[in-house]
Amino acid sequence: MWQSLISGDKVLAGDTIRYRSGSPDLTSSQDKIYDVVKTDFHYFEMVARQKKEGSDELDRRTIKYMDVGYHISLEIWTGKLPYPTLPKKEATGNKK
């Protein structure tokens, strides 16, 4: 189940995040699914599951925790995923 991240929520390497691009009440085809690959005290880095259009590289985003809930709408998946994720050994970062 998807749960909204609010300011102060922390994520761990390997977590699955949905980047909400539109209204929080509607699911959009523009919503992208990311895997968290690195965490730090003030930010985390996530990589898109799908490559950018017309490019061979993955879409990477660095998110500051203080922006979550104010400037950026993100959701975290809690529970078993219906699709494969990055293996834990590829997802690196500090667990805090």
PDB file of N, CA and C in Angstrom:
ATOM      1  N   MET A   1       0.836  -1.156   0.000  1.00  0.00           N
ATOM      2  CA  MET A   1       0.000   0.000   0.000  1.00  0.00           C
ATOM      3  C   MET A   1       0.900   1.246   0.000  1.00  0.00           C
ATOM      4  N   TRP A   2       0.521   2.238  -0.769  1.00  0.00           N
ATOM      5  CA  TRP A   2       1.266   3.487  -0.836  1.00  0.00           C
ATOM      6  C   TRP A   2       0.866   4.388   0.330  1.00  0.00           C
ATOM      7  N   GLN A   3       1.874   4.970   0.990  1.00  0.00           N
ATOM      8  CA  GLN A   3       1.624   5.914   2.074  1.00  0.00           C
ATOM      9  C   GLN A   3       2.411   7.182   1.793  1.00  0.00           C
ATOM     10  N   SER A   4       1.774   8.318   1.984  1.00  0.00           N
ATOM     11  CA  SER A   4       2.427   9.605   1.732  1.00  0.00           C
ATOM     12  C   SER A   4       3.567   9.825   2.721  1.00  0.00           C
ATOM     13  N   LEU A   5       4.681  10.330   2.194  1.00  0.00           N
ATOM     14  CA  LEU A   5       5.780  10.748   3.059  1.00  0.00           C
ATOM     15  C   LEU A   5       5.491  12.166   3.524  1.00  0.00           C
ATOM     16  N   ILE A   6       5.729  12.414   4.773  1.00  0.00           N
ATOM     17  CA  ILE A   6       5.550  13.763   5.304  1.00  0.00           C
ATOM     18  C   ILE A   6       6.887  14.263   5.820  1.00  0.00           C
ATOM     19  N   SER A   7       6.974  15.539   6.060  1.00  0.00           N
ATOM     20  CA  SER A   7       8.211  16.124   6.547  1.00  0.00           C
ATOM     21  C   SER A   7       8.628  15.418   7.831  1.00  0.00           C
ATOM     22  N   GLY A   8       9.884  15.012   7.888  1.00  0.00           N
ATOM     23  CA  GLY A   8      10.404  14.304   9.055  1.00  0.00           C
ATOM     24  C   GLY A   8      10.489  12.806   8.864  1.00  0.00           C
ATOM     25  N   ASP A   9       9.750  12.242   7.897  1.00  0.00           N
ATOM     26  CA  ASP A   9       9.848  10.809   7.613  1.00  0.00           C
ATOM     27  C   ASP A   9      11.192  10.499   6.983  1.00  0.00           C
ATOM     28  N   LYS A  10      11.804   9.400   7.383  1.00  0.00           N
ATOM     29  CA  LYS A  10      13.079   8.956   6.820  1.00  0.00           C
ATOM     30  C   LYS A  10      12.846   7.715   5.966  1.00  0.00           C
ATOM     31  N   VAL A  11      13.720   7.509   4.988  1.00  0.00           N
ATOM     32  CA  VAL A  11      13.654   6.331   4.134  1.00  0.00           C
ATOM     33  C   VAL A  11      14.949   5.541   4.301  1.00  0.00           C
ATOM     34  N   LEU A  12      14.935   4.299   3.857  1.00  0.00           N
ATOM     35  CA  LEU A  12      16.106   3.425   3.908  1.00  0.00           C
ATOM     36  C   LEU A  12      16.485   3.001   2.498  1.00  0.00           C
ATOM     37  N   ALA A  13      17.751   2.662   2.314  1.00  0.00           N
ATOM     38  CA  ALA A  13      18.190   2.137   1.017  1.00  0.00           C
ATOM     39  C   ALA A  13      17.382   0.885   0.709  1.00  0.00           C
ATOM     40  N   GLY A  14      16.883   0.809  -0.523  1.00  0.00           N
ATOM     41  CA  GLY A  14      16.062  -0.321  -0.936  1.00  0.00           C
ATOM     42  C   GLY A  14      14.571  -0.032  -0.892  1.00  0.00           C
ATOM     43  N   ASP A  15      14.154   1.055  -0.232  1.00  0.00           N
ATOM     44  CA  ASP A  15      12.730   1.417  -0.202  1.00  0.00           C
ATOM     45  C   ASP A  15      12.258   1.811  -1.597  1.00  0.00           C
ATOM     46  N   THR A  16      10.979   1.608  -1.863  1.00  0.00           N
ATOM     47  CA  THR A  16      10.377   1.975  -3.140  1.00  0.00           C
ATOM     48  C   THR A  16       9.550   3.241  -2.944  1.00  0.00           C
ATOM     49  N   ILE A  17       9.812   4.232  -3.805  1.00  0.00           N
ATOM     50  CA  ILE A  17       9.197   5.548  -3.702  1.00  0.00           C
ATOM     51  C   ILE A  17       8.443   5.856  -4.994  1.00  0.00           C
ATOM     52  N   ARG A  18       7.267   6.459  -4.851  1.00  0.00           N
ATOM     53  CA  ARG A  18       6.519   6.944  -6.020  1.00  0.00           C
ATOM     54  C   ARG A  18       6.548   8.463  -5.988  1.00  0.00           C
ATOM     55  N   TYR A  19       7.028   9.060  -7.069  1.00  0.00           N
ATOM     56  CA  TYR A  19       7.104  10.515  -7.212  1.00  0.00           C
ATOM     57  C   TYR A  19       5.793  10.983  -7.789  1.00  0.00           C
ATOM     58  N   ARG A  20       5.033  11.745  -7.015  1.00  0.00           N
ATOM     59  CA  ARG A  20       3.713  12.207  -7.443  1.00  0.00           C
ATOM     60  C   ARG A  20       3.845  13.507  -8.214  1.00  0.00           C
ATOM     61  N   SER A  21       3.378  13.512  -9.447  1.00  0.00           N
ATOM     62  CA  SER A  21       3.514  14.700 -10.292  1.00  0.00           C
ATOM     63  C   SER A  21       2.235  15.529 -10.356  1.00  0.00           C
ATOM     64  N   GLY A  22       1.124  14.945  -9.970  1.00  0.00           N
ATOM     65  CA  GLY A  22      -0.143  15.675 -10.094  1.00  0.00           C
ATOM     66  C   GLY A  22      -0.871  15.766  -8.778  1.00  0.00           C
ATOM     67  N   SER A  23      -2.177  15.722  -8.860  1.00  0.00           N
ATOM     68  CA  SER A  23      -3.027  15.810  -7.681  1.00  0.00           C
ATOM     69  C   SER A  23      -2.783  14.616  -6.766  1.00  0.00           C
ATOM     70  N   PRO A  24      -2.733  14.835  -5.443  1.00  0.00           N
ATOM     71  CA  PRO A  24      -2.528  13.723  -4.525  1.00  0.00           C
ATOM     72  C   PRO A  24      -3.711  12.755  -4.483  1.00  0.00           C
ATOM     73  N   ASP A  25      -4.862  13.156  -5.033  1.00  0.00           N
ATOM     74  CA  ASP A  25      -6.043  12.303  -5.020  1.00  0.00           C
ATOM     75  C   ASP A  25      -6.145  11.401  -6.243  1.00  0.00           C
ATOM     76  N   LEU A  26      -5.369  11.687  -7.283  1.00  0.00           N
ATOM     77  CA  LEU A  26      -5.454  10.919  -8.516  1.00  0.00           C
ATOM     78  C   LEU A  26      -4.115  10.265  -8.837  1.00  0.00           C
ATOM     79  N   THR A  27      -4.157   9.058  -9.362  1.00  0.00           N
ATOM     80  CA  THR A  27      -2.948   8.399  -9.830  1.00  0.00           C
ATOM     81  C   THR A  27      -2.742   8.777 -11.277  1.00  0.00           C
ATOM     82  N   SER A  28      -1.552   9.202 -11.601  1.00  0.00           N
ATOM     83  CA  SER A  28      -1.250   9.684 -12.945  1.00  0.00           C
ATOM     84  C   SER A  28      -0.291   8.735 -13.638  1.00  0.00           C
ATOM     85  N   SER A  29      -0.371   8.684 -14.954  1.00  0.00           N
ATOM     86  CA  SER A  29       0.586   7.873 -15.715  1.00  0.00           C
ATOM     87  C   SER A  29       1.971   8.512 -15.675  1.00  0.00           C
ATOM     88  N   GLN A  30       2.037   9.798 -15.250  1.00  0.00           N
ATOM     89  CA  GLN A  30       3.329  10.468 -15.148  1.00  0.00           C
ATOM     90  C   GLN A  30       4.031  10.161 -13.826  1.00  0.00           C
ATOM     91  N   ASP A  31       3.338   9.537 -12.870  1.00  0.00           N
ATOM     92  CA  ASP A  31       3.965   9.167 -11.609  1.00  0.00           C
ATOM     93  C   ASP A  31       5.064   8.155 -11.896  1.00  0.00           C
ATOM     94  N   LYS A  32       6.239   8.393 -11.341  1.00  0.00           N
ATOM     95  CA  LYS A  32       7.372   7.502 -11.582  1.00  0.00           C
ATOM     96  C   LYS A  32       7.704   6.726 -10.323  1.00  0.00           C
ATOM     97  N   ILE A  33       8.173   5.502 -10.523  1.00  0.00           N
ATOM     98  CA  ILE A  33       8.576   4.632  -9.425  1.00  0.00           C
ATOM     99  C   ILE A  33      10.100   4.655  -9.324  1.00  0.00           C
ATOM    100  N   TYR A  34      10.609   4.848  -8.115  1.00  0.00           N
ATOM    101  CA  TYR A  34      12.044   4.933  -7.852  1.00  0.00           C
ATOM    102  C   TYR A  34      12.432   3.965  -6.747  1.00  0.00           C
ATOM    103  N   ASP A  35      13.704   3.564  -6.757  1.00  0.00           N
ATOM    104  CA  ASP A  35      14.287   2.802  -5.662  1.00  0.00           C
ATOM    105  C   ASP A  35      15.305   3.694  -4.973  1.00  0.00           C
ATOM    106  N   VAL A  36      15.275   3.732  -3.636  1.00  0.00           N
ATOM    107  CA  VAL A  36      16.238   4.507  -2.871  1.00  0.00           C
ATOM    108  C   VAL A  36      17.570   3.756  -2.895  1.00  0.00           C
ATOM    109  N   VAL A  37      18.634   4.437  -3.318  1.00  0.00           N
ATOM    110  CA  VAL A  37      19.948   3.787  -3.422  1.00  0.00           C
ATOM    111  C   VAL A  37      20.961   4.330  -2.425  1.00  0.00           C
ATOM    112  N   LYS A  38      20.702   5.501  -1.854  1.00  0.00           N
ATOM    113  CA  LYS A  38      21.640   6.089  -0.905  1.00  0.00           C
ATOM    114  C   LYS A  38      20.866   6.980   0.058  1.00  0.00           C
ATOM    115  N   THR A  39      21.204   6.876   1.339  1.00  0.00           N
ATOM    116  CA  THR A  39      20.574   7.737   2.331  1.00  0.00           C
ATOM    117  C   THR A  39      21.641   8.456   3.132  1.00  0.00           C
ATOM    118  N   ASP A  40      21.294   9.605   3.616  1.00  0.00           N
ATOM    119  CA  ASP A  40      22.172  10.401   4.460  1.00  0.00           C
ATOM    120  C   ASP A  40      21.279  11.099   5.481  1.00  0.00           C
ATOM    121  N   PHE A  41      21.870  11.862   6.367  1.00  0.00           N
ATOM    122  CA  PHE A  41      21.100  12.519   7.414  1.00  0.00           C
ATOM    123  C   PHE A  41      20.147  13.573   6.857  1.00  0.00           C
ATOM    124  N   HIS A  42      20.563  14.310   5.817  1.00  0.00           N
ATOM    125  CA  HIS A  42      19.754  15.413   5.291  1.00  0.00           C
ATOM    126  C   HIS A  42      19.128  15.145   3.921  1.00  0.00           C
ATOM    127  N   TYR A  43      19.521  14.081   3.254  1.00  0.00           N
ATOM    128  CA  TYR A  43      19.001  13.825   1.912  1.00  0.00           C
ATOM    129  C   TYR A  43      19.017  12.329   1.619  1.00  0.00           C
ATOM    130  N   PHE A  44      18.367  11.957   0.515  1.00  0.00           N
ATOM    131  CA  PHE A  44      18.473  10.593  -0.003  1.00  0.00           C
ATOM    132  C   PHE A  44      18.502  10.662  -1.521  1.00  0.00           C
ATOM    133  N   GLU A  45      19.070   9.633  -2.123  1.00  0.00           N
ATOM    134  CA  GLU A  45      19.172   9.561  -3.579  1.00  0.00           C
ATOM    135  C   GLU A  45      18.358   8.374  -4.057  1.00  0.00           C
ATOM    136  N   MET A  46      17.611   8.610  -5.149  1.00  0.00           N
ATOM    137  CA  MET A  46      16.789   7.540  -5.702  1.00  0.00           C
ATOM    138  C   MET A  46      16.986   7.460  -7.210  1.00  0.00           C
ATOM    139  N   VAL A  47      16.783   6.257  -7.742  1.00  0.00           N
ATOM    140  CA  VAL A  47      16.975   5.975  -9.161  1.00  0.00           C
ATOM    141  C   VAL A  47      15.675   5.409  -9.720  1.00  0.00           C
ATOM    142  N   ALA A  48      15.270   5.923 -10.877  1.00  0.00           N
ATOM    143  CA  ALA A  48      14.034   5.454 -11.527  1.00  0.00           C
ATOM    144  C   ALA A  48      14.192   4.018 -12.008  1.00  0.00           C
ATOM    145  N   ARG A  49      13.098   3.304 -12.012  1.00  0.00           N
ATOM    146  CA  ARG A  49      13.098   1.926 -12.507  1.00  0.00           C
ATOM    147  C   ARG A  49      13.216   1.884 -14.028  1.00  0.00           C
ATOM    148  N   GLN A  50      12.722   2.918 -14.698  1.00  0.00           N
ATOM    149  CA  GLN A  50      12.750   2.953 -16.159  1.00  0.00           C
ATOM    150  C   GLN A  50      13.716   4.023 -16.615  1.00  0.00           C
ATOM    151  N   LYS A  51      14.352   3.790 -17.745  1.00  0.00           N
ATOM    152  CA  LYS A  51      15.300   4.757 -18.297  1.00  0.00           C
ATOM    153  C   LYS A  51      14.564   5.963 -18.870  1.00  0.00           C
ATOM    154  N   LYS A  52      15.286   7.087 -18.931  1.00  0.00           N
ATOM    155  CA  LYS A  52      14.726   8.298 -19.543  1.00  0.00           C
ATOM    156  C   LYS A  52      14.439   8.034 -21.008  1.00  0.00           C
ATOM    157  N   GLU A  53      13.432   8.710 -21.529  1.00  0.00           N
ATOM    158  CA  GLU A  53      13.106   8.551 -22.946  1.00  0.00           C
ATOM    159  C   GLU A  53      14.273   9.045 -23.793  1.00  0.00           C
ATOM    160  N   GLY A  54      14.695   8.241 -24.756  1.00  0.00           N
ATOM    161  CA  GLY A  54      15.766   8.621 -25.666  1.00  0.00           C
ATOM    162  C   GLY A  54      17.147   8.609 -25.040  1.00  0.00           C
ATOM    163  N   SER A  55      17.292   7.957 -23.896  1.00  0.00           N
ATOM    164  CA  SER A  55      18.586   7.917 -23.222  1.00  0.00           C
ATOM    165  C   SER A  55      18.822   6.523 -22.649  1.00  0.00           C
ATOM    166  N   ASP A  56      20.091   6.189 -22.464  1.00  0.00           N
ATOM    167  CA  ASP A  56      20.422   4.895 -21.882  1.00  0.00           C
ATOM    168  C   ASP A  56      20.680   4.977 -20.377  1.00  0.00           C
ATOM    169  N   GLU A  57      20.630   6.186 -19.810  1.00  0.00           N
ATOM    170  CA  GLU A  57      20.899   6.295 -18.390  1.00  0.00           C
ATOM    171  C   GLU A  57      19.603   6.424 -17.587  1.00  0.00           C
ATOM    172  N   LEU A  58      19.688   6.006 -16.333  1.00  0.00           N
ATOM    173  CA  LEU A  58      18.533   6.063 -15.444  1.00  0.00           C
ATOM    174  C   LEU A  58      18.350   7.469 -14.885  1.00  0.00           C
ATOM    175  N   ASP A  59      17.109   7.800 -14.595  1.00  0.00           N
ATOM    176  CA  ASP A  59      16.768   9.086 -13.992  1.00  0.00           C
ATOM    177  C   ASP A  59      17.117   9.018 -12.503  1.00  0.00           C
ATOM    178  N   ARG A  60      18.068   9.842 -12.060  1.00  0.00           N
ATOM    179  CA  ARG A  60      18.491   9.901 -10.659  1.00  0.00           C
ATOM    180  C   ARG A  60      18.022  11.218 -10.055  1.00  0.00           C
ATOM    181  N   ARG A  61      17.559  11.155  -8.821  1.00  0.00           N
ATOM    182  CA  ARG A  61      17.138  12.361  -8.120  1.00  0.00           C
ATOM    183  C   ARG A  61      17.701  12.344  -6.705  1.00  0.00           C
ATOM    184  N   THR A  62      18.164  13.499  -6.282  1.00  0.00           N
ATOM    185  CA  THR A  62      18.592  13.682  -4.906  1.00  0.00           C
ATOM    186  C   THR A  62      17.543  14.551  -4.231  1.00  0.00           C
ATOM    187  N   ILE A  63      16.984  14.041  -3.148  1.00  0.00           N
ATOM    188  CA  ILE A  63      15.878  14.696  -2.464  1.00  0.00           C
ATOM    189  C   ILE A  63      16.316  15.105  -1.061  1.00  0.00           C
ATOM    190  N   LYS A  64      16.085  16.363  -0.716  1.00  0.00           N
ATOM    191  CA  LYS A  64      16.329  16.834   0.650  1.00  0.00           C
ATOM    192  C   LYS A  64      15.093  16.500   1.485  1.00  0.00           C
ATOM    193  N   TYR A  65      15.317  15.944   2.666  1.00  0.00           N
ATOM    194  CA  TYR A  65      14.191  15.600   3.537  1.00  0.00           C
ATOM    195  C   TYR A  65      13.307  16.810   3.827  1.00  0.00           C
ATOM    196  N   MET A  66      13.909  17.998   3.947  1.00  0.00           N
ATOM    197  CA  MET A  66      13.111  19.183   4.290  1.00  0.00           C
ATOM    198  C   MET A  66      12.156  19.597   3.168  1.00  0.00           C
ATOM    199  N   ASP A  67      12.364  19.121   1.935  1.00  0.00           N
ATOM    200  CA  ASP A  67      11.463  19.436   0.823  1.00  0.00           C
ATOM    201  C   ASP A  67      10.254  18.498   0.754  1.00  0.00           C
ATOM    202  N   VAL A  68      10.365  17.322   1.369  1.00  0.00           N
ATOM    203  CA  VAL A  68       9.299  16.322   1.300  1.00  0.00           C
ATOM    204  C   VAL A  68       8.072  16.843   2.041  1.00  0.00           C
ATOM    205  N   GLY A  69       6.948  16.820   1.353  1.00  0.00           N
ATOM    206  CA  GLY A  69       5.699  17.270   1.935  1.00  0.00           C
ATOM    207  C   GLY A  69       5.410  18.739   1.685  1.00  0.00           C
ATOM    208  N   TYR A  70       6.449  19.534   1.428  1.00  0.00           N
ATOM    209  CA  TYR A  70       6.262  20.960   1.166  1.00  0.00           C
ATOM    210  C   TYR A  70       6.348  21.257  -0.330  1.00  0.00           C
ATOM    211  N   HIS A  71       7.456  20.863  -0.950  1.00  0.00           N
ATOM    212  CA  HIS A  71       7.689  21.142  -2.369  1.00  0.00           C
ATOM    213  C   HIS A  71       7.577  19.899  -3.239  1.00  0.00           C
ATOM    214  N   ILE A  72       7.693  18.734  -2.623  1.00  0.00           N
ATOM    215  CA  ILE A  72       7.710  17.472  -3.361  1.00  0.00           C
ATOM    216  C   ILE A  72       6.709  16.523  -2.728  1.00  0.00           C
ATOM    217  N   SER A  73       5.906  15.880  -3.563  1.00  0.00           N
ATOM    218  CA  SER A  73       4.944  14.906  -3.076  1.00  0.00           C
ATOM    219  C   SER A  73       5.464  13.502  -3.396  1.00  0.00           C
ATOM    220  N   LEU A  74       5.792  12.746  -2.352  1.00  0.00           N
ATOM    221  CA  LEU A  74       6.323  11.391  -2.497  1.00  0.00           C
ATOM    222  C   LEU A  74       5.479  10.428  -1.685  1.00  0.00           C
ATOM    223  N   GLU A  75       5.468   9.177  -2.147  1.00  0.00           N
ATOM    224  CA  GLU A  75       4.809   8.104  -1.410  1.00  0.00           C
ATOM    225  C   GLU A  75       5.773   6.940  -1.295  1.00  0.00           C
ATOM    226  N   ILE A  76       5.688   6.215  -0.190  1.00  0.00           N
ATOM    227  CA  ILE A  76       6.544   5.046   0.031  1.00  0.00           C
ATOM    228  C   ILE A  76       5.659   3.810   0.052  1.00  0.00           C
ATOM    229  N   TRP A  77       6.174   2.716  -0.511  1.00  0.00           N
ATOM    230  CA  TRP A  77       5.417   1.472  -0.536  1.00  0.00           C
ATOM    231  C   TRP A  77       5.676   0.720   0.754  1.00  0.00           C
ATOM    232  N   THR A  78       4.604   0.312   1.421  1.00  0.00           N
ATOM    233  CA  THR A  78       4.721  -0.515   2.617  1.00  0.00           C
ATOM    234  C   THR A  78       4.020  -1.827   2.324  1.00  0.00           C
ATOM    235  N   GLY A  79       4.729  -2.903   2.451  1.00  0.00           N
ATOM    236  CA  GLY A  79       4.167  -4.212   2.154  1.00  0.00           C
ATOM    237  C   GLY A  79       4.928  -4.879   1.033  1.00  0.00           C
ATOM    238  N   LYS A  80       4.406  -5.994   0.547  1.00  0.00           N
ATOM    239  CA  LYS A  80       5.054  -6.759  -0.515  1.00  0.00           C
ATOM    240  C   LYS A  80       4.766  -6.120  -1.867  1.00  0.00           C
ATOM    241  N   LEU A  81       5.824  -5.963  -2.672  1.00  0.00           N
ATOM    242  CA  LEU A  81       5.680  -5.338  -3.988  1.00  0.00           C
ATOM    243  C   LEU A  81       5.222  -6.344  -5.039  1.00  0.00           C
ATOM    244  N   PRO A  82       4.397  -5.910  -5.973  1.00  0.00           N
ATOM    245  CA  PRO A  82       3.935  -6.804  -7.030  1.00  0.00           C
ATOM    246  C   PRO A  82       4.930  -6.919  -8.180  1.00  0.00           C
ATOM    247  N   TYR A  83       6.129  -6.298  -8.062  1.00  0.00           N
ATOM    248  CA  TYR A  83       7.130  -6.338  -9.119  1.00  0.00           C
ATOM    249  C   TYR A  83       8.514  -6.370  -8.486  1.00  0.00           C
ATOM    250  N   PRO A  84       9.556  -6.754  -9.240  1.00  0.00           N
ATOM    251  CA  PRO A  84      10.901  -6.902  -8.662  1.00  0.00           C
ATOM    252  C   PRO A  84      11.529  -5.566  -8.280  1.00  0.00           C
ATOM    253  N   THR A  85      12.404  -5.595  -7.274  1.00  0.00           N
ATOM    254  CA  THR A  85      13.136  -4.417  -6.829  1.00  0.00           C
ATOM    255  C   THR A  85      14.627  -4.648  -7.005  1.00  0.00           C
ATOM    256  N   LEU A  86      15.414  -3.614  -6.752  1.00  0.00           N
ATOM    257  CA  LEU A  86      16.859  -3.765  -6.798  1.00  0.00           C
ATOM    258  C   LEU A  86      17.293  -4.726  -5.697  1.00  0.00           C
ATOM    259  N   PRO A  87      18.237  -5.613  -5.997  1.00  0.00           N
ATOM    260  CA  PRO A  87      18.761  -6.467  -4.936  1.00  0.00           C
ATOM    261  C   PRO A  87      19.394  -5.615  -3.850  1.00  0.00           C
ATOM    262  N   LYS A  88      19.328  -6.056  -2.609  1.00  0.00           N
ATOM    263  CA  LYS A  88      19.817  -5.276  -1.475  1.00  0.00           C
ATOM    264  C   LYS A  88      21.297  -4.924  -1.609  1.00  0.00           C
ATOM    265  N   LYS A  89      22.099  -5.805  -2.250  1.00  0.00           N
ATOM    266  CA  LYS A  89      23.531  -5.526  -2.356  1.00  0.00           C
ATOM    267  C   LYS A  89      23.810  -4.346  -3.296  1.00  0.00           C
ATOM    268  N   GLU A  90      22.886  -4.045  -4.234  1.00  0.00           N
ATOM    269  CA  GLU A  90      23.052  -2.910  -5.143  1.00  0.00           C
ATOM    270  C   GLU A  90      22.584  -1.614  -4.488  1.00  0.00           C
ATOM    271  N   ALA A  91      21.684  -1.714  -3.556  1.00  0.00           N
ATOM    272  CA  ALA A  91      21.181  -0.527  -2.877  1.00  0.00           C
ATOM    273  C   ALA A  91      22.100  -0.222  -1.714  1.00  0.00           C
ATOM    274  N   THR A  92      22.893   0.832  -1.839  1.00  0.00           N
ATOM    275  CA  THR A  92      23.860   1.162  -0.810  1.00  0.00           C
ATOM    276  C   THR A  92      23.470   2.433  -0.104  1.00  0.00           C
ATOM    277  N   GLY A  93      23.963   2.595   1.068  1.00  0.00           N
ATOM    278  CA  GLY A  93      23.701   3.823   1.807  1.00  0.00           C
ATOM    279  C   GLY A  93      23.785   3.577   3.293  1.00  0.00           C
ATOM    280  N   ASN A  94      23.684   4.634   4.031  1.00  0.00           N
ATOM    281  CA  ASN A  94      23.734   4.549   5.484  1.00  0.00           C
ATOM    282  C   ASN A  94      22.336   4.337   6.010  1.00  0.00           C
ATOM    283  N   LYS A  95      22.185   3.351   6.872  1.00  0.00           N
ATOM    284  CA  LYS A  95      20.877   3.126   7.486  1.00  0.00           C
ATOM    285  C   LYS A  95      20.898   3.839   8.828  1.00  0.00           C
ATOM    286  N   LYS A  96      19.988   4.789   8.964  1.00  0.00           N
ATOM    287  CA  LYS A  96      19.919   5.555  10.216  1.00  0.00           C
ATOM    288  C   LYS A  96      18.557   5.464  10.808  1.00  0.00           C
TER     289      LYS A  96
END
